[in-house]
Amino acid sequence: VMFVLLIIAGLGVVTLLVILFAPHIRRYAAGAVCKSTARLDGKTVLITGANTGIGKETALDLAVRGARVIMACRDVEKGEEAAASIRAAYSEAKVEVRELDLADTCSIRAFAQKFLREVNHLHILINNAGVMMCPYTKTIDGFEMHIGVNHLGHFLLTYLLIGLLKRSAPARVVVVSSLAHNFGWIRFHDLHSQGSYNSGLAYCQSKLANVLFARELARRLKGTNVMVNSVHPGTVNSDLTRHSTLMMILFTVFSVFLKTPLEGAQTSVYCAVAEELHSVSGKHFSDCAPAFVAPQGRSEETASKLWDVSCELLGIDWD
């Protein structure tokens, strides 16, 4: 009984401290803010997964800077709702919604075909969409969902639009990764987790793939004036945790320690617009500053092998 009382008392003290120091915790948790005042008039931006969370906040910020923002969303209805709320917040926003399902290579190809027909320039591509800790499912093409959407879907999309990005240079590609890449390994022997599946590890593997892709793409694009960087947005209180009840509970309880989607969008915005990054490529950022990359994320050999395997899985030849 004494032990239980001590635990309850301890929890009470912790709760009281959190309430008392909440404003200070919030300020710390919020992280850095993109201070750049750069305008994007006449520029075209494409953001995947822009109907919610940090994608939506990134779309709003770049629209306010004068860009034409194309929101690529799986759920067009939700995308249109997000676009309407952006227009409500900023009446001059040039935002449009297009359908894109990153779990279906036919959808990606159809999207790119229409995009290339109708859009003359692409100055900023933000590979933002993602899934996290979902139950074991496969994409239309048979890829495990995390590696399929978070990495392979964006890999194919970028491949299809790379010519337009080069022609529009100076251009930038921002790949939204995560601190979770530190805990990931590329399991080449079982990339699609058919032998064993752990949703957390599958997510970490896909986020490591994002870092490796950004670094390898940056290396291959040297001299083209297309810059590629990856970002860790921070631990953001968004609906990305919808597949994990435990994560949803934890995020609700510890929400004071988490970033809001607006705060989480700051590093994506920074990498998209900051003047000082005009010639910076192949780096990883967090809180609007260069960030640590795990050793497995710095391996040129792994990056090169992942590139080749990705091309093979997608049936493309990208030299």
Protein backbone atom coordinates (compact mmCIF):
# COMPACT_ATOMS: atom_id res chain seq x y z
CA VAL A 1 0.00 0.00 0.00
CA MET A 2 2.85 2.36 0.91
CA PHE A 3 4.49 1.69 -2.45
CA VAL A 4 1.27 2.52 -4.34
CA LEU A 5 0.84 5.73 -2.33
CA LEU A 6 4.43 6.73 -3.15
CA ILE A 7 3.79 6.16 -6.88
CA ILE A 8 0.58 8.22 -6.76
CA ALA A 9 2.36 11.00 -4.82
CA GLY A 10 5.25 10.92 -7.32
CA LEU A 11 2.87 11.19 -10.28
CA GLY A 12 1.08 14.05 -8.53
CA VAL A 13 4.36 15.96 -8.05
CA VAL A 14 5.37 15.36 -11.69
CA THR A 15 1.95 16.54 -12.92
CA LEU A 16 2.15 19.65 -10.73
CA LEU A 17 5.66 20.47 -12.02
CA VAL A 18 4.54 20.02 -15.63
CA ILE A 19 1.58 22.38 -15.04
CA LEU A 20 3.79 24.97 -13.28
CA PHE A 21 6.54 24.88 -15.89
CA ALA A 22 4.27 24.31 -18.92
CA PRO A 23 4.97 27.75 -20.50
CA HIS A 24 8.75 27.18 -20.26
CA ILE A 25 8.46 23.59 -21.53
CA ARG A 26 6.32 24.79 -24.44
CA ARG A 27 8.88 27.46 -25.38
CA TYR A 28 11.67 24.87 -25.36
CA ALA A 29 9.62 22.21 -27.19
CA ALA A 30 8.58 24.68 -29.91
CA GLY A 31 12.12 24.74 -31.31
CA ALA A 32 13.53 27.18 -33.85
CA VAL A 33 11.53 29.39 -36.18
CA CYS A 34 12.46 30.05 -39.82
CA LYS A 35 13.48 33.71 -39.78
CA SER A 36 13.88 34.09 -43.55
CA THR A 37 11.66 36.73 -45.15
CA ALA A 38 12.35 35.39 -48.66
CA ARG A 39 9.54 35.89 -51.18
CA LEU A 40 8.51 33.17 -53.63
CA ASP A 41 6.58 35.26 -56.16
CA GLY A 42 6.52 33.48 -59.51
CA LYS A 43 7.79 30.23 -57.97
CA THR A 44 5.99 26.88 -58.12
CA VAL A 45 6.02 24.50 -55.16
CA LEU A 46 4.81 20.90 -54.92
CA ILE A 47 4.13 19.40 -51.48
CA THR A 48 3.03 15.80 -50.93
CA GLY A 49 0.66 15.07 -48.05
CA ALA A 50 -0.26 18.75 -47.77
CA ASN A 51 -3.81 18.20 -46.55
CA THR A 52 -2.87 17.87 -42.88
CA GLY A 53 -0.20 18.43 -40.22
CA ILE A 54 3.16 19.93 -41.14
CA GLY A 55 2.43 19.57 -44.87
CA LYS A 56 -0.57 21.87 -44.59
CA GLU A 57 1.35 24.40 -42.47
CA THR A 58 4.24 24.34 -44.96
CA ALA A 59 1.76 24.97 -47.80
CA LEU A 60 0.26 27.95 -45.96
CA ASP A 61 3.67 29.50 -45.21
CA LEU A 62 4.91 29.19 -48.80
CA ALA A 63 1.59 30.47 -50.19
CA VAL A 64 1.87 33.57 -47.98
CA ARG A 65 5.33 34.12 -49.52
CA GLY A 66 3.66 34.35 -52.94
CA ALA A 67 4.32 30.87 -54.34
CA ARG A 68 1.91 28.84 -56.42
CA VAL A 69 1.49 25.81 -54.17
CA ILE A 70 0.32 22.47 -55.55
CA MET A 71 -0.93 20.19 -52.81
CA ALA A 72 -0.60 16.52 -53.79
CA CYS A 73 -3.01 14.48 -51.67
CA ARG A 74 -4.36 10.95 -51.60
CA ASP A 75 -7.70 12.19 -50.26
CA VAL A 76 -8.75 15.01 -52.60
CA GLU A 77 -11.76 15.94 -50.46
CA LYS A 78 -9.56 16.49 -47.39
CA GLY A 79 -7.07 18.30 -49.64
CA GLU A 80 -9.77 20.72 -50.83
CA GLU A 81 -10.81 21.36 -47.21
CA ALA A 82 -7.17 22.17 -46.35
CA ALA A 83 -6.86 24.43 -49.41
CA ALA A 84 -10.06 26.25 -48.40
CA SER A 85 -8.71 26.84 -44.89
CA ILE A 86 -5.45 28.19 -46.37
CA ARG A 87 -7.45 30.60 -48.58
CA ALA A 88 -9.48 31.60 -45.51
CA ALA A 89 -6.26 32.40 -43.64
CA TYR A 90 -4.71 34.20 -46.64
CA SER A 91 -7.15 35.33 -49.32
CA GLU A 92 -4.47 35.76 -52.02
CA ALA A 93 -3.15 32.20 -51.65
CA LYS A 94 -2.52 30.42 -54.95
CA VAL A 95 -3.15 26.84 -53.86
CA GLU A 96 -4.48 23.90 -55.84
CA VAL A 97 -5.11 20.26 -55.03
CA ARG A 98 -4.14 17.28 -57.17
CA GLU A 99 -4.69 13.59 -56.52
CA LEU A 100 -1.63 11.50 -55.71
CA ASP A 101 -1.54 8.10 -54.01
CA LEU A 102 2.07 7.26 -53.16
CA ALA A 103 1.04 3.65 -52.44
CA ASP A 104 0.27 3.13 -56.14
CA THR A 105 2.91 3.62 -58.84
CA CYS A 106 0.18 3.96 -61.50
CA SER A 107 -1.24 6.93 -59.55
CA ILE A 108 2.26 8.46 -59.26
CA ARG A 109 2.88 8.10 -63.00
CA ALA A 110 -0.55 9.50 -63.88
CA PHE A 111 0.01 12.43 -61.52
CA ALA A 112 3.44 13.20 -63.01
CA GLN A 113 2.19 12.90 -66.60
CA LYS A 114 -0.62 15.41 -65.97
CA PHE A 115 1.70 17.66 -63.93
CA LEU A 116 4.33 17.81 -66.70
CA ARG A 117 1.63 18.60 -69.27
CA GLU A 118 0.14 21.45 -67.28
CA VAL A 119 2.94 22.94 -65.15
CA ASN A 120 5.88 24.71 -66.80
CA HIS A 121 8.20 25.08 -63.80
CA LEU A 122 8.93 23.39 -60.49
CA HIS A 123 11.21 25.28 -58.13
CA ILE A 124 10.59 23.46 -54.85
CA LEU A 125 9.58 19.83 -54.29
CA ILE A 126 8.80 18.87 -50.70
CA ASN A 127 8.53 15.11 -50.17
CA ASN A 128 6.48 15.42 -46.99
CA ALA A 129 3.81 12.68 -47.03
CA GLY A 130 4.32 9.65 -44.84
CA VAL A 131 2.85 6.76 -42.91
CA MET A 132 3.93 5.74 -39.42
CA MET A 133 3.61 2.51 -37.47
CA CYS A 134 0.72 1.13 -39.51
CA PRO A 135 -0.23 -2.54 -39.29
CA TYR A 136 1.43 -4.80 -41.87
CA THR A 137 -0.02 -3.85 -45.25
CA LYS A 138 1.27 -3.76 -48.79
CA THR A 139 1.02 -1.08 -51.44
CA ILE A 140 -0.79 -1.77 -54.72
CA ASP A 141 2.59 -2.87 -56.13
CA GLY A 142 3.34 -5.26 -53.26
CA PHE A 143 5.82 -3.10 -51.33
CA GLU A 144 5.62 -2.98 -47.51
CA MET A 145 3.66 0.21 -46.76
CA HIS A 146 6.37 2.22 -44.92
CA ILE A 147 9.18 1.64 -47.41
CA GLY A 148 6.65 1.81 -50.26
CA VAL A 149 5.10 5.19 -49.43
CA ASN A 150 7.82 6.97 -47.43
CA HIS A 151 10.70 5.99 -49.72
CA LEU A 152 9.81 4.25 -53.00
CA GLY A 153 6.77 6.41 -53.81
CA HIS A 154 8.77 9.61 -53.35
CA PHE A 155 11.76 8.11 -55.17
CA LEU A 156 9.58 7.48 -58.25
CA LEU A 157 7.87 10.88 -58.03
CA THR A 158 11.23 12.68 -57.83
CA TYR A 159 12.57 10.63 -60.75
CA LEU A 160 9.60 11.61 -62.92
CA LEU A 161 9.93 15.31 -62.05
CA ILE A 162 13.73 15.65 -61.96
CA GLY A 163 13.96 16.93 -65.54
CA LEU A 164 11.52 19.75 -64.75
CA LEU A 165 13.40 20.60 -61.55
CA LYS A 166 16.68 20.84 -63.50
CA ARG A 167 15.08 23.05 -66.16
CA SER A 168 13.64 25.29 -63.42
CA ALA A 169 16.97 25.67 -61.55
CA PRO A 170 17.83 27.07 -59.11
CA ALA A 171 15.55 24.52 -57.48
CA ARG A 172 15.32 22.63 -54.22
CA VAL A 173 14.16 19.21 -53.02
CA VAL A 174 13.28 18.84 -49.33
CA VAL A 175 12.93 15.29 -48.00
CA VAL A 176 11.09 15.00 -44.69
CA SER A 177 12.83 12.30 -42.66
CA SER A 178 13.05 11.89 -38.89
CA LEU A 179 15.33 11.46 -35.90
CA ALA A 180 14.01 7.88 -36.09
CA HIS A 181 16.55 7.24 -38.88
CA ASN A 182 19.09 6.74 -36.07
CA PHE A 183 17.30 3.52 -35.11
CA GLY A 184 16.89 2.23 -38.66
CA TRP A 185 18.82 -0.25 -40.78
CA ILE A 186 18.28 -1.04 -44.45
CA ARG A 187 17.44 -4.73 -44.41
CA PHE A 188 18.35 -5.54 -48.00
CA HIS A 189 17.71 -9.25 -47.35
CA ASP A 190 14.11 -8.46 -46.33
CA LEU A 191 13.29 -4.90 -47.40
CA HIS A 192 9.53 -5.57 -47.28
CA SER A 193 9.54 -7.19 -43.82
CA GLN A 194 8.14 -10.49 -45.05
CA GLY A 195 10.30 -12.54 -42.69
CA SER A 196 9.29 -10.59 -39.59
CA TYR A 197 7.42 -7.32 -39.09
CA ASN A 198 7.73 -4.61 -36.48
CA SER A 199 5.90 -1.40 -37.36
CA GLY A 200 8.36 0.79 -35.43
CA LEU A 201 11.42 -0.73 -37.11
CA ALA A 202 9.74 -0.56 -40.54
CA TYR A 203 9.13 3.16 -39.97
CA CYS A 204 12.75 3.71 -38.86
CA GLN A 205 14.05 1.85 -41.93
CA SER A 206 11.96 4.09 -44.22
CA LYS A 207 13.21 7.27 -42.50
CA LEU A 208 16.82 6.09 -42.89
CA ALA A 209 16.03 5.46 -46.58
CA ASN A 210 14.89 9.12 -46.81
CA VAL A 211 18.25 10.37 -45.49
CA LEU A 212 20.23 8.06 -47.78
CA PHE A 213 18.12 9.06 -50.80
CA ALA A 214 18.61 12.79 -50.12
CA ARG A 215 22.38 12.38 -49.80
CA GLU A 216 22.73 10.19 -52.91
CA LEU A 217 20.44 12.43 -54.99
CA ALA A 218 22.44 15.48 -53.89
CA ARG A 219 25.66 13.74 -54.98
CA ARG A 220 24.22 12.86 -58.39
CA LEU A 221 22.85 16.39 -58.93
CA LYS A 222 26.14 18.20 -58.31
CA GLY A 223 26.53 21.05 -60.77
CA THR A 224 22.83 21.20 -61.71
CA ASN A 225 21.88 23.93 -59.18
CA VAL A 226 19.23 21.63 -57.71
CA MET A 227 19.84 21.39 -53.96
CA VAL A 228 18.62 18.40 -51.93
CA ASN A 229 18.41 18.28 -48.13
CA SER A 230 16.58 16.16 -45.57
CA VAL A 231 14.89 17.37 -42.40
CA HIS A 232 13.82 16.13 -38.99
CA PRO A 233 10.69 18.17 -38.20
CA GLY A 234 10.77 17.35 -34.49
CA THR A 235 8.31 15.27 -32.52
CA VAL A 236 5.07 16.73 -33.81
CA ASN A 237 1.58 16.30 -32.38
CA SER A 238 -0.17 15.28 -35.61
CA ASP A 239 -2.41 12.51 -36.91
CA LEU A 240 0.65 10.56 -38.11
CA THR A 241 0.25 8.43 -34.96
CA ARG A 242 -3.30 7.38 -35.92
CA HIS A 243 -2.28 3.73 -36.45
CA SER A 244 -0.88 3.29 -32.93
CA THR A 245 -3.26 3.60 -29.96
CA LEU A 246 -0.31 3.62 -27.54
CA MET A 247 1.41 6.44 -29.44
CA MET A 248 -1.84 8.42 -29.55
CA ILE A 249 -2.24 8.09 -25.77
CA LEU A 250 1.40 9.04 -25.12
CA PHE A 251 1.19 12.01 -27.49
CA THR A 252 -1.99 13.22 -25.75
CA VAL A 253 -0.50 12.87 -22.24
CA PHE A 254 2.80 14.52 -23.17
CA SER A 255 1.43 17.05 -25.66
CA VAL A 256 3.13 19.91 -23.79
CA PHE A 257 6.49 18.41 -24.83
CA LEU A 258 5.53 18.11 -28.51
CA LYS A 259 5.65 20.55 -31.39
CA THR A 260 2.49 21.81 -33.04
CA PRO A 261 2.27 21.23 -36.82
CA LEU A 262 3.15 24.92 -37.33
CA GLU A 263 6.31 24.51 -35.24
CA GLY A 264 7.10 21.22 -36.97
CA ALA A 265 6.91 22.86 -40.40
CA GLN A 266 9.63 25.42 -39.67
CA THR A 267 12.63 23.34 -40.81
CA SER A 268 10.90 22.28 -44.05
CA VAL A 269 10.18 25.95 -44.76
CA TYR A 270 13.75 26.89 -43.84
CA CYS A 271 15.25 24.35 -46.26
CA ALA A 272 12.84 25.50 -48.97
CA VAL A 273 13.46 29.25 -48.73
CA ALA A 274 16.53 30.25 -46.70
CA GLU A 275 18.90 32.34 -48.84
CA GLU A 276 21.97 30.98 -47.04
CA LEU A 277 21.17 27.46 -48.30
CA HIS A 278 21.32 28.41 -52.01
CA SER A 279 24.38 26.18 -52.50
CA VAL A 280 23.97 23.75 -49.58
CA SER A 281 23.10 20.18 -50.59
CA GLY A 282 23.24 16.68 -49.13
CA LYS A 283 22.81 17.86 -45.55
CA HIS A 284 20.35 17.00 -42.79
CA PHE A 285 18.57 19.71 -40.77
CA SER A 286 16.63 19.97 -37.53
CA ASP A 287 15.38 23.14 -35.82
CA CYS A 288 16.57 25.20 -38.80
CA ALA A 289 20.20 24.11 -38.29
CA PRO A 290 22.48 21.31 -39.53
CA ALA A 291 21.80 18.10 -37.59
CA PHE A 292 23.56 14.85 -36.74
CA VAL A 293 23.26 11.98 -39.20
CA ALA A 294 23.66 8.43 -37.89
CA PRO A 295 26.67 6.46 -39.25
CA GLN A 296 24.34 4.17 -41.24
CA GLY A 297 22.89 7.31 -42.84
CA ARG A 298 26.34 8.46 -43.96
CA SER A 299 27.32 5.24 -45.72
CA GLU A 300 27.90 5.97 -49.42
CA GLU A 301 27.93 2.24 -50.13
CA THR A 302 24.48 1.74 -48.55
CA ALA A 303 23.11 4.83 -50.32
CA SER A 304 24.35 3.60 -53.70
CA LYS A 305 23.02 0.08 -53.14
CA LEU A 306 19.61 1.41 -51.99
CA TRP A 307 19.46 3.57 -55.14
CA ASP A 308 20.07 0.53 -57.37
CA VAL A 309 17.59 -1.66 -55.48
CA SER A 310 14.95 1.11 -55.61
CA CYS A 311 15.38 1.48 -59.38
CA GLU A 312 15.09 -2.28 -59.81
CA LEU A 313 11.89 -2.49 -57.70
CA LEU A 314 10.32 0.41 -59.60
CA GLY A 315 11.48 -0.77 -63.02
CA ILE A 316 13.32 2.45 -63.82
CA ASP A 317 16.81 3.33 -65.02
CA TRP A 318 18.02 6.46 -63.20
CA ASP A 319 21.72 7.10 -63.74
